[in-house]
Protein backbone atom coordinates (compact mmCIF):
# COMPACT_ATOMS: atom_id res chain seq x y z
CA UNK A 1 -19.51 -1.74 26.81
CA UNK A 2 -16.33 0.10 25.78
CA UNK A 3 -14.59 0.31 22.42
CA UNK A 4 -11.09 1.76 22.57
CA UNK A 5 -8.75 2.89 19.79
CA UNK A 6 -5.07 3.23 20.65
CA UNK A 7 -2.14 4.70 18.78
CA UNK A 8 -1.99 6.86 15.64
CA UNK A 9 -4.70 6.80 12.99
CA UNK A 10 -3.72 6.67 9.35
CA UNK A 11 -5.16 9.23 6.96
CA UNK A 12 -8.44 8.29 5.29
CA UNK A 13 -8.18 9.26 1.63
CA UNK A 14 -11.02 7.18 0.20
CA UNK A 15 -13.56 8.83 -2.09
CA UNK A 16 -17.00 8.08 -3.49
CA UNK A 17 -16.22 9.05 -7.07
CA UNK A 18 -16.80 12.74 -6.40
CA UNK A 19 -15.79 13.71 -2.87
CA UNK A 20 -13.32 12.47 -0.30
CA UNK A 21 -14.84 10.66 2.64
CA UNK A 22 -15.20 12.72 5.81
CA UNK A 23 -15.17 11.68 9.46
CA UNK A 24 -18.95 12.00 9.67
CA UNK A 25 -19.34 9.38 6.92
CA UNK A 26 -17.92 6.74 9.27
CA UNK A 27 -20.26 7.39 12.18
CA UNK A 28 -22.85 4.73 13.11
CA UNK A 29 -26.08 5.21 11.21
CA UNK A 30 -24.22 6.80 8.30
CA UNK A 31 -24.19 5.74 4.65
CA UNK A 32 -23.39 2.11 3.75
CA UNK A 33 -19.89 3.05 2.45
CA UNK A 34 -20.10 0.51 -0.35
CA UNK A 35 -18.92 2.97 -3.01
CA UNK A 36 -15.69 4.12 -1.38
CA UNK A 37 -12.37 3.47 -3.10
CA UNK A 38 -8.98 4.23 -1.65
CA UNK A 39 -7.41 3.92 1.79
CA UNK A 40 -9.66 4.09 4.83
CA UNK A 41 -9.98 2.52 8.26
CA UNK A 42 -12.15 3.85 11.03
CA UNK A 43 -13.51 3.13 14.50
CA UNK A 44 -15.92 5.86 15.58
CA UNK A 45 -18.82 6.24 17.97
CA UNK A 46 -19.73 6.41 21.65
CA UNK A 47 -21.65 4.28 24.18
CA UNK A 48 -24.74 6.42 23.61
CA UNK A 49 -24.79 5.88 19.85
CA UNK A 50 -22.85 2.67 19.34
CA UNK A 51 -19.79 2.30 17.15
CA UNK A 52 -19.03 1.72 13.50
CA UNK A 53 -15.92 -0.17 12.40
CA UNK A 54 -14.80 0.07 8.76
CA UNK A 55 -11.89 -1.06 6.60
CA UNK A 56 -11.53 -0.33 2.88
CA UNK A 57 -12.10 -3.09 0.28
CA UNK A 58 -8.42 -3.43 -0.69
CA UNK A 59 -7.27 -3.33 2.92
CA UNK A 60 -4.81 -0.54 2.18
CA UNK A 61 -5.28 0.95 5.63
CA UNK A 62 -4.72 -1.58 8.37
CA UNK A 63 -6.99 -2.16 11.36
CA UNK A 64 -6.34 -4.73 14.10
CA UNK A 65 -8.30 -5.64 17.19
CA UNK A 66 -8.18 -7.71 20.35
CA UNK A 67 -10.69 -8.50 23.09
CA UNK A 68 -9.84 -8.20 26.77
CA UNK A 69 -11.19 -10.61 29.45
CA UNK A 70 -14.12 -8.27 30.16
CA UNK A 71 -15.20 -8.32 26.51
CA UNK A 72 -14.01 -4.80 25.73
CA UNK A 73 -12.71 -4.28 22.20
CA UNK A 74 -9.35 -2.65 21.59
CA UNK A 75 -8.38 -1.42 18.11
CA UNK A 76 -5.15 -0.11 16.59
CA UNK A 77 -3.60 0.50 13.20
CA UNK A 78 -0.54 -1.56 14.17
CA UNK A 79 -0.38 -4.92 15.95
CA UNK A 80 2.61 -3.63 17.97
CA UNK A 81 0.32 -1.10 19.70
CA UNK A 82 -1.88 -3.94 20.93
CA UNK A 83 0.97 -6.26 21.94
CA UNK A 84 2.66 -3.38 23.79
CA UNK A 85 -0.60 -2.92 25.72
CA UNK A 86 -0.46 -6.53 26.91
CA UNK A 87 -2.37 -8.46 24.26
CA UNK A 88 -0.65 -11.53 22.82
CA UNK A 89 -0.13 -11.55 19.07
CA UNK A 90 -2.03 -14.85 19.11
CA UNK A 91 -5.11 -12.89 20.25
CA UNK A 92 -4.77 -10.10 17.67
CA UNK A 93 -6.76 -10.25 14.43
CA UNK A 94 -7.26 -7.93 11.48
CA UNK A 95 -10.65 -6.53 10.59
CA UNK A 96 -11.44 -8.23 7.23
CA UNK A 97 -10.96 -6.10 4.12
CA UNK A 98 -14.11 -4.32 2.99
CA UNK A 99 -15.99 -4.88 6.24
CA UNK A 100 -18.49 -2.62 8.01
CA UNK A 101 -19.47 -3.57 11.56
CA UNK A 102 -22.03 -1.69 13.67
CA UNK A 103 -21.83 -2.38 17.40
CA UNK A 104 -24.49 -1.13 19.82
CA UNK A 105 -23.69 0.64 23.05
CA UNK A 106 -24.59 -2.52 24.93
CA UNK A 107 -22.07 -4.57 22.96
CA UNK A 108 -24.34 -6.33 20.47
CA UNK A 109 -23.19 -6.61 16.85
CA UNK A 110 -26.12 -4.98 15.06
CA UNK A 111 -24.69 -5.32 11.56
CA UNK A 112 -21.68 -6.91 9.96
CA UNK A 113 -21.38 -6.89 6.22
CA UNK A 114 -19.00 -6.69 3.27
CA UNK A 115 -18.70 -3.76 0.89
CA UNK A 116 -16.68 -5.78 -1.64
CA UNK A 117 -18.80 -6.17 -4.80
CA UNK A 118 -19.68 -9.77 -5.77
CA UNK A 119 -17.16 -11.12 -8.26
CA UNK A 120 -14.97 -8.07 -7.74
CA UNK A 121 -11.70 -9.94 -8.00
CA UNK A 122 -12.63 -11.14 -11.48
CA UNK A 123 -10.74 -14.41 -11.36
CA UNK A 124 -13.32 -15.91 -13.75
CA UNK A 125 -11.75 -15.75 -17.24
CA UNK A 126 -15.20 -15.77 -18.84
CA UNK A 127 -16.33 -12.61 -17.06
CA UNK A 128 -17.64 -9.95 -19.42
CA UNK A 129 -15.52 -6.82 -19.66
CA UNK A 130 -15.47 -3.68 -21.81
CA UNK A 131 -12.76 -3.30 -24.43
CA UNK A 132 -9.26 -2.37 -23.33
CA UNK A 133 -9.48 1.05 -24.98
CA UNK A 134 -12.53 1.88 -22.90
CA UNK A 135 -10.93 0.50 -19.73
CA UNK A 136 -7.84 2.62 -20.30
CA UNK A 137 -9.91 5.76 -20.83
CA UNK A 138 -11.86 5.06 -17.64
CA UNK A 139 -8.66 4.56 -15.66
CA UNK A 140 -7.27 7.91 -16.81
CA UNK A 141 -10.52 9.75 -16.07
CA UNK A 142 -10.86 8.15 -12.64
CA UNK A 143 -7.31 8.88 -11.52
CA UNK A 144 -7.58 12.45 -12.80
CA UNK A 145 -10.78 13.04 -10.86
CA UNK A 146 -9.35 11.44 -7.73
CA UNK A 147 -6.20 13.56 -7.81
CA UNK A 148 -8.33 16.63 -8.44
CA UNK A 149 -10.45 15.83 -5.37
CA UNK A 150 -7.31 15.42 -3.28
CA UNK A 151 -5.96 18.76 -4.50
CA UNK A 152 -9.19 20.70 -3.98
CA UNK A 153 -10.21 19.21 -0.62
CA UNK A 154 -6.87 18.62 1.11
CA UNK A 155 -5.13 21.63 -0.49
CA UNK A 156 -1.55 20.39 -0.12
CA UNK A 157 1.11 22.98 -0.81
CA UNK A 158 3.31 20.33 -2.39
CA UNK A 159 2.91 16.84 -3.82
CA UNK A 160 5.96 14.60 -3.61
CA UNK A 161 5.95 11.77 -6.15
CA UNK A 162 8.19 8.76 -5.49
CA UNK A 163 9.75 8.38 -8.94
CA UNK A 164 11.73 5.38 -10.17
CA UNK A 165 11.55 6.30 -13.85
CA UNK A 166 9.27 3.35 -14.60
CA UNK A 167 5.79 3.40 -16.07
CA UNK A 168 3.79 3.36 -12.84
CA UNK A 169 5.49 6.24 -11.05
CA UNK A 170 6.08 8.29 -14.21
CA UNK A 171 2.38 8.20 -15.02
CA UNK A 172 1.46 9.47 -11.56
CA UNK A 173 4.14 12.19 -11.75
CA UNK A 174 2.84 13.41 -15.10
CA UNK A 175 -0.76 13.57 -13.90
CA UNK A 176 0.19 15.17 -10.58
CA UNK A 177 2.10 17.95 -12.33
CA UNK A 178 -1.07 19.01 -14.12
CA UNK A 179 -3.18 19.07 -10.95
CA UNK A 180 -1.11 20.08 -7.92
CA UNK A 181 0.31 23.60 -7.58
CA UNK A 182 3.77 22.25 -6.83
CA UNK A 183 4.99 18.76 -7.70
CA UNK A 184 8.38 17.40 -6.66
CA UNK A 185 9.87 14.10 -7.78
CA UNK A 186 11.78 12.03 -5.21
CA UNK A 187 14.36 9.45 -6.23
CA UNK A 188 15.95 6.75 -4.07
CA UNK A 189 19.45 5.38 -4.49
CA UNK A 190 22.11 3.62 -2.46
CA UNK A 191 25.45 5.36 -2.14
CA UNK A 192 28.01 3.26 -3.93
CA UNK A 193 31.59 4.53 -3.60
CA UNK A 194 33.31 4.34 -6.96
CA UNK A 195 30.15 3.17 -8.76
CA UNK A 196 27.72 4.91 -11.03
CA UNK A 197 24.20 5.92 -9.98
CA UNK A 198 21.59 3.18 -10.33
CA UNK A 199 19.49 2.81 -13.45
CA UNK A 200 16.51 4.04 -11.44
CA UNK A 201 18.27 7.26 -10.41
CA UNK A 202 19.33 8.01 -13.98
CA UNK A 203 15.88 7.22 -15.39
CA UNK A 204 14.08 9.23 -12.70
CA UNK A 205 16.26 12.25 -13.37
CA UNK A 206 15.52 12.07 -17.08
CA UNK A 207 11.77 11.82 -16.50
CA UNK A 208 11.80 14.72 -14.05
CA UNK A 209 13.67 16.90 -16.54
CA UNK A 210 11.30 15.96 -19.35
CA UNK A 211 8.26 16.75 -17.17
CA UNK A 212 9.81 20.00 -15.94
CA UNK A 213 9.58 19.19 -12.24
CA UNK A 214 12.33 19.46 -9.61
CA UNK A 215 13.77 16.27 -8.15
CA UNK A 216 14.84 15.57 -4.60
CA UNK A 217 17.68 13.04 -4.54
CA UNK A 218 17.58 10.68 -1.57
CA UNK A 219 20.81 8.71 -1.43
CA UNK A 220 21.70 6.67 1.64
CA UNK A 221 24.44 4.30 2.72
CA UNK A 222 23.61 0.70 3.50
CA UNK A 223 24.00 1.45 7.21
CA UNK A 224 21.56 4.36 6.95
CA UNK A 225 19.11 2.18 5.06
CA UNK A 226 19.25 -0.69 7.54
CA UNK A 227 18.82 1.68 10.49
CA UNK A 228 15.14 1.72 9.45
CA UNK A 229 14.64 -2.05 9.85
CA UNK A 230 12.75 -1.97 13.14
CA UNK A 231 10.57 0.89 11.93
CA UNK A 232 9.66 -1.07 8.82
CA UNK A 233 8.93 -4.27 10.73
CA UNK A 234 6.68 -2.49 13.25
CA UNK A 235 4.97 0.05 11.00
CA UNK A 236 4.88 -2.29 8.01
CA UNK A 237 3.36 -5.08 10.15
CA UNK A 238 5.08 -7.77 8.08
CA UNK A 239 8.36 -9.67 8.05
CA UNK A 240 8.35 -11.15 4.54
CA UNK A 241 11.42 -10.12 2.59
CA UNK A 242 9.81 -8.46 -0.46
CA UNK A 243 7.62 -6.22 1.65
CA UNK A 244 10.40 -5.38 4.09
CA UNK A 245 12.77 -4.47 1.25
CA UNK A 246 10.13 -2.27 -0.35
CA UNK A 247 9.42 -0.75 3.05
CA UNK A 248 13.10 0.09 3.52
CA UNK A 249 13.11 2.04 0.26
CA UNK A 250 10.01 3.91 1.42
CA UNK A 251 11.54 4.62 4.83
CA UNK A 252 14.60 6.14 3.19
CA UNK A 253 12.38 8.22 0.90
CA UNK A 254 10.23 9.36 3.83
CA UNK A 255 13.28 10.30 5.89
CA UNK A 256 14.47 12.40 2.96
CA UNK A 257 11.11 14.05 2.28
CA UNK A 258 10.18 14.96 5.87
CA UNK A 259 12.87 17.66 6.37
CA UNK A 260 12.06 19.14 2.95
CA UNK A 261 8.38 19.41 3.86
CA UNK A 262 8.92 21.09 7.20
CA UNK A 263 5.65 22.59 8.42
CA UNK A 264 4.02 22.82 5.00
CA UNK A 265 1.00 20.71 4.03
CA UNK A 266 2.16 17.96 1.72
CA UNK A 267 1.07 14.68 0.20
CA UNK A 268 3.24 11.81 -0.94
CA UNK A 269 2.08 9.99 -4.07
CA UNK A 270 3.34 6.59 -5.18
CA UNK A 271 2.86 4.30 -8.17
CA UNK A 272 2.17 1.31 -5.94
CA UNK A 273 -0.65 -1.21 -6.72
CA UNK A 274 -0.38 -1.21 -10.52
CA UNK A 275 1.91 -4.25 -10.30
CA UNK A 276 -0.75 -6.20 -8.43
CA UNK A 277 -3.53 -5.12 -10.78
CA UNK A 278 -1.53 -6.11 -13.89
CA UNK A 279 0.32 -9.12 -12.44
CA UNK A 280 3.66 -7.43 -13.10
CA UNK A 281 5.91 -9.24 -10.66
CA UNK A 282 8.87 -11.52 -11.26
CA UNK A 283 11.23 -13.41 -9.00
CA UNK A 284 14.79 -12.15 -8.51
CA UNK A 285 17.94 -14.27 -8.31
CA UNK A 286 20.93 -13.37 -6.16
CA UNK A 287 23.97 -15.60 -5.80
CA UNK A 288 22.10 -18.55 -7.24
CA UNK A 289 19.07 -18.31 -4.94
CA UNK A 290 15.63 -17.22 -6.11
CA UNK A 291 13.75 -14.60 -4.07
CA UNK A 292 10.25 -13.11 -4.28
CA UNK A 293 8.90 -16.31 -5.83
CA UNK A 294 5.19 -16.25 -6.78
CA UNK A 295 2.75 -19.17 -6.87
CA UNK A 296 2.26 -20.81 -10.24
CA UNK A 297 -1.26 -19.72 -11.15
CA UNK A 298 -2.97 -18.63 -14.33
CA UNK A 299 -2.91 -14.83 -14.75
CA UNK A 300 -6.42 -14.02 -13.51
CA UNK A 301 -6.05 -16.26 -10.45
CA UNK A 302 -2.63 -14.77 -9.72
CA UNK A 303 -4.09 -11.27 -9.97
CA UNK A 304 -6.79 -12.27 -7.49
CA UNK A 305 -4.13 -13.69 -5.14
CA UNK A 306 -2.01 -10.54 -5.37
CA UNK A 307 -4.94 -8.18 -4.85
CA UNK A 308 -6.24 -10.15 -1.89
CA UNK A 309 -2.70 -10.10 -0.51
CA UNK A 310 -2.84 -6.31 -0.21
CA UNK A 311 -4.55 -7.10 3.09
CA UNK A 312 -1.08 -7.68 4.52
CA UNK A 313 1.94 -5.42 4.64
CA UNK A 314 1.77 -1.74 5.45
CA UNK A 315 4.93 -0.98 3.47
CA UNK A 316 3.47 2.26 2.08
CA UNK A 317 0.95 3.85 4.46
CA UNK A 318 2.52 2.67 7.70
CA UNK A 319 6.11 3.46 6.83
CA UNK A 320 5.42 6.99 5.56
CA UNK A 321 3.12 7.63 8.52
CA UNK A 322 6.04 6.89 10.86
CA UNK A 323 7.68 10.03 9.45
CA UNK A 324 4.53 12.13 9.71
CA UNK A 325 3.74 11.95 5.99
CA UNK A 326 0.33 11.08 4.52
CA UNK A 327 0.74 8.88 1.46
CA UNK A 328 -1.74 8.23 -1.37
CA UNK A 329 -1.73 5.38 -3.88
CA UNK A 330 -3.78 6.85 -6.76
CA UNK A 331 -4.17 3.59 -8.67
CA UNK A 332 -6.44 2.37 -5.87
CA UNK A 333 -9.16 4.74 -7.08
CA UNK A 334 -9.35 2.91 -10.41
CA UNK A 335 -9.32 -0.63 -9.01
CA UNK A 336 -12.72 -1.54 -10.48
CA UNK A 337 -11.50 -0.77 -13.98
CA UNK A 338 -8.25 -2.68 -13.53
CA UNK A 339 -10.13 -5.71 -12.24
CA UNK A 340 -12.36 -5.59 -15.32
CA UNK A 341 -9.35 -6.33 -17.55
CA UNK A 342 -9.91 -9.79 -19.06
CA UNK A 343 -7.47 -12.62 -18.56
CA UNK A 344 -6.64 -12.73 -22.25
CA UNK A 345 -5.07 -9.28 -21.96
CA UNK A 346 -3.19 -10.28 -18.79
CA UNK A 347 -1.39 -13.01 -20.74
CA UNK A 348 0.28 -10.44 -23.01
CA UNK A 349 3.94 -9.77 -22.30
CA UNK A 350 3.42 -6.10 -23.17
CA UNK A 351 0.20 -5.69 -21.16
CA UNK A 352 1.36 -2.82 -18.96
CA UNK A 353 3.03 -0.96 -21.79
CA UNK A 354 -0.01 -1.38 -24.05
CA UNK A 355 -2.48 -0.28 -21.37
CA UNK A 356 -0.41 2.67 -20.20
CA UNK A 357 -0.11 4.00 -23.74
CA UNK A 358 -3.90 4.25 -23.63
CA UNK A 359 -4.02 5.66 -20.10
CA UNK A 360 -1.17 8.16 -20.28
CA UNK A 361 -0.35 8.53 -23.97
CA UNK A 362 2.09 11.36 -24.62
CA UNK A 363 2.00 12.53 -20.99
CA UNK A 364 4.84 10.05 -20.45
CA UNK A 365 8.06 10.46 -22.48
CA UNK A 366 8.62 7.74 -25.07
CA UNK A 367 11.82 6.51 -23.41
CA UNK A 368 9.78 5.42 -20.36
CA UNK A 369 7.72 3.06 -22.52
CA UNK A 370 10.84 1.47 -23.98
CA UNK A 371 12.82 1.15 -20.74
CA UNK A 372 13.37 -2.34 -19.34
CA UNK A 373 11.66 -2.80 -15.97
CA UNK A 374 13.91 -2.72 -12.92
CA UNK A 375 12.49 -3.42 -9.48
CA UNK A 376 13.13 -0.80 -6.80
CA UNK A 377 14.62 -3.37 -4.42
CA UNK A 378 17.30 -4.04 -7.04
CA UNK A 379 17.59 -0.64 -8.71
CA UNK A 380 19.81 -1.73 -11.61
CA UNK A 381 20.18 -4.58 -14.03
CA UNK A 382 23.49 -5.29 -12.34
CA UNK A 383 23.55 -7.16 -9.04
CA UNK A 384 23.01 -4.94 -6.01
CA UNK A 385 20.39 -2.85 -4.32
CA UNK A 386 18.40 -3.41 -1.17
CA UNK A 387 18.04 -7.15 -1.70
CA UNK A 388 21.81 -7.61 -1.78
CA UNK A 389 22.42 -5.11 1.03
CA UNK A 390 20.26 -7.20 3.36
CA UNK A 391 21.43 -10.64 2.28
CA UNK A 392 25.12 -9.75 2.40
CA UNK A 393 24.66 -8.98 6.11
CA UNK A 394 22.73 -12.14 6.88
CA UNK A 395 19.38 -10.36 7.03
CA UNK A 396 17.28 -12.94 5.25
CA UNK A 397 13.61 -13.80 5.70
CA UNK A 398 14.33 -16.06 8.69
CA UNK A 399 16.20 -13.20 10.40
CA UNK A 400 13.35 -10.77 9.66
CA UNK A 401 10.81 -13.22 11.02
CA UNK A 402 12.74 -13.67 14.29
CA UNK A 403 13.16 -9.92 14.71
CA UNK A 404 9.46 -9.30 14.04
CA UNK A 405 8.62 -11.87 16.70
CA UNK A 406 10.88 -10.22 19.29
CA UNK A 407 9.48 -6.76 18.52
CA UNK A 408 5.95 -8.09 19.08
CA UNK A 409 6.71 -10.14 22.19
CA UNK A 410 6.09 -13.49 20.49
CA UNK A 411 7.20 -16.49 22.53
CA UNK A 412 5.70 -19.27 20.41
CA UNK A 413 7.03 -19.10 16.85
CA UNK A 414 3.88 -20.83 15.59
CA UNK A 415 1.95 -17.67 16.45
CA UNK A 416 3.59 -15.99 13.46
CA UNK A 417 2.33 -18.70 11.12
CA UNK A 418 -1.15 -18.13 12.44
CA UNK A 419 -0.87 -14.34 12.19
CA UNK A 420 0.06 -14.37 8.48
CA UNK A 421 -1.15 -17.40 6.58
CA UNK A 422 -1.39 -17.90 2.81
CA UNK A 423 -0.33 -14.29 2.35
CA UNK A 424 -3.08 -12.76 4.49
CA UNK A 425 -3.54 -11.69 8.09
CA UNK A 426 -5.64 -13.80 10.41
CA UNK A 427 -8.91 -11.88 10.32
CA UNK A 428 -12.21 -11.90 12.14
CA UNK A 429 -15.21 -9.64 12.53
CA UNK A 430 -14.81 -7.85 15.88
CA UNK A 431 -17.27 -8.95 18.50
CA UNK A 432 -17.36 -8.43 22.27
CA UNK A 433 -18.23 -12.12 22.73
CA UNK A 434 -16.38 -15.24 21.69
CA UNK A 435 -17.79 -16.89 18.58
């Protein structure tokens, strides 16, 4: 029996509340891994010992597999690696989020279980939860400890924080400054001849000045931005417009950060995930058409849907990895506390502002709390940004879907519907034998 892993591995930055996970933790016969939070995916072992397959509970790190005619299992962090090796996309599945699978050297599945706590998604509005003040304090403590573990164990020479000037990224920038020896803010903008910088660029610059950290300006033309489309589709493993547009922003940021890093050890930190945890998404309208529409669900159910949907799209980890940069989403470490927030609080229009005043307090300048939210794919209250740049050139979701199919050798368009369905990848527990 052979288990084979192909292509690059993404960085495992999960922790157990004290220490970062190490390679030995993922070996067969190791600990149950049920306390890890953060990004991790692993396939490790040998025929003499068997193999252990693991994917983190949120599915931040991606892990796909396919079975060949002889029953051998092939794994990769990107579906393109498997399709390029001759597997059809129709035969590729994701390892389910929060799954641990132990496979013996003879090919028998010795153990397959979930490390997702029962009721973790908290879509029951009657679930008991601590008060919001206590939740906020726990979030701050958890993120602080997680960032401290990253700094002490990985010892990066620099931490680059993707900064939009909004609450999520400003909070991470403020905490990173206190923990990492050198923190640099990075701001994205589109070059607009004859037009002012975007609201995000102006806000990010103000936050960076207030925090006393240098800022790297990454400004690109629309052509330069769209040059990253194939990279985003392959590394992001998704064709849906919101995730592709977000991935394009990240690709531009990564392309700007990589030369600045050079040969130094660096981490990239983002404010991603807080929007899912606090149901802070809205549709956008461009030229009379609505984009990024969400299902009409009550807040707790929508939060559950968004969190489960993290299974799909590698718009952060995959895209930065394509430029040789390890990325960390610190809010992932505090997911248990975010999911303990009761639905009543999620119905508040000021929920993020109110919670972040508890979490970050005066670490964040007051003007950040009072700023109107602007999504990175738009960048300003005025019409424009990545959304418009794509649509004005005919690059809509149908175009992205077709291009994704061609890049992955898909001949039957229905295979795409089966690969991503209801916002999640087709998933299955890897087994050498057909079920």
